[in-house]
Amino acid sequence: LLKMDFLGLRTLTVIQNAIHGAFDVHDIDYNDKEVFDMISSGHTEGVFQLE
């Protein structure tokens, strides 16, 4: 007797999305004007390091 379970696992999708969205912190341009514009415009609400 073989039981197969083909239910979707949302956790695997979340992990896959996290892997594809990952980046190398060494590639961050800390002098990027767009980043400073975003911070100064308040689009970082909820990020406790920037509040």
Protein backbone atom coordinates (compact mmCIF):
# COMPACT_ATOMS: atom_id res chain seq x y z
CA LEU A 1 0.00 0.00 0.00
CA LEU A 2 1.43 3.38 -1.05
CA LYS A 3 0.12 6.66 0.27
CA MET A 4 1.10 9.81 -1.61
CA ASP A 5 0.46 13.26 -0.19
CA PHE A 6 0.49 16.04 -2.78
CA LEU A 7 -0.66 18.91 -0.60
CA GLY A 8 1.04 22.24 -1.22
CA LEU A 9 3.49 23.41 1.37
CA ARG A 10 3.43 27.18 1.71
CA THR A 11 6.59 27.11 3.81
CA LEU A 12 8.61 25.79 0.87
CA THR A 13 7.36 28.67 -1.28
CA VAL A 14 8.34 31.18 1.41
CA ILE A 15 11.82 29.65 1.65
CA GLN A 16 12.19 29.68 -2.14
CA ASN A 17 11.16 33.35 -2.31
CA ALA A 18 13.63 34.22 0.46
CA ILE A 19 16.46 32.49 -1.39
CA HIS A 20 15.67 34.31 -4.64
CA GLY A 21 15.44 37.64 -2.82
CA ALA A 22 18.73 37.24 -0.98
CA PHE A 23 21.62 39.51 -1.80
CA ASP A 24 25.23 39.95 -0.77
CA VAL A 25 25.65 42.72 1.80
CA HIS A 26 29.04 43.50 0.28
CA ASP A 27 27.22 44.70 -2.87
CA ILE A 28 25.31 47.43 -1.01
CA ASP A 29 26.13 50.96 -2.16
CA TYR A 30 26.01 52.96 1.07
CA ASN A 31 26.14 56.22 -0.88
CA ASP A 32 23.07 55.49 -3.01
CA LYS A 33 20.97 58.66 -3.29
CA GLU A 34 17.76 56.65 -3.79
CA VAL A 35 18.25 54.96 -0.41
CA PHE A 36 18.64 58.28 1.38
CA ASP A 37 15.59 59.65 -0.48
CA MET A 38 13.52 56.66 0.63
CA ILE A 39 14.60 57.03 4.27
CA SER A 40 13.99 60.78 4.32
CA SER A 41 10.54 60.41 2.72
CA GLY A 42 9.36 58.06 5.50
CA HIS A 43 8.99 54.91 3.38
CA THR A 44 10.82 52.93 6.06
CA GLU A 45 8.08 53.08 8.68
CA GLY A 46 8.09 49.89 10.71
CA VAL A 47 11.82 49.28 10.35
CA PHE A 48 12.91 49.77 13.96
CA GLN A 49 16.53 50.45 13.07
CA LEU A 50 15.43 53.52 11.08
CA GLU A 51 12.66 54.91 13.28
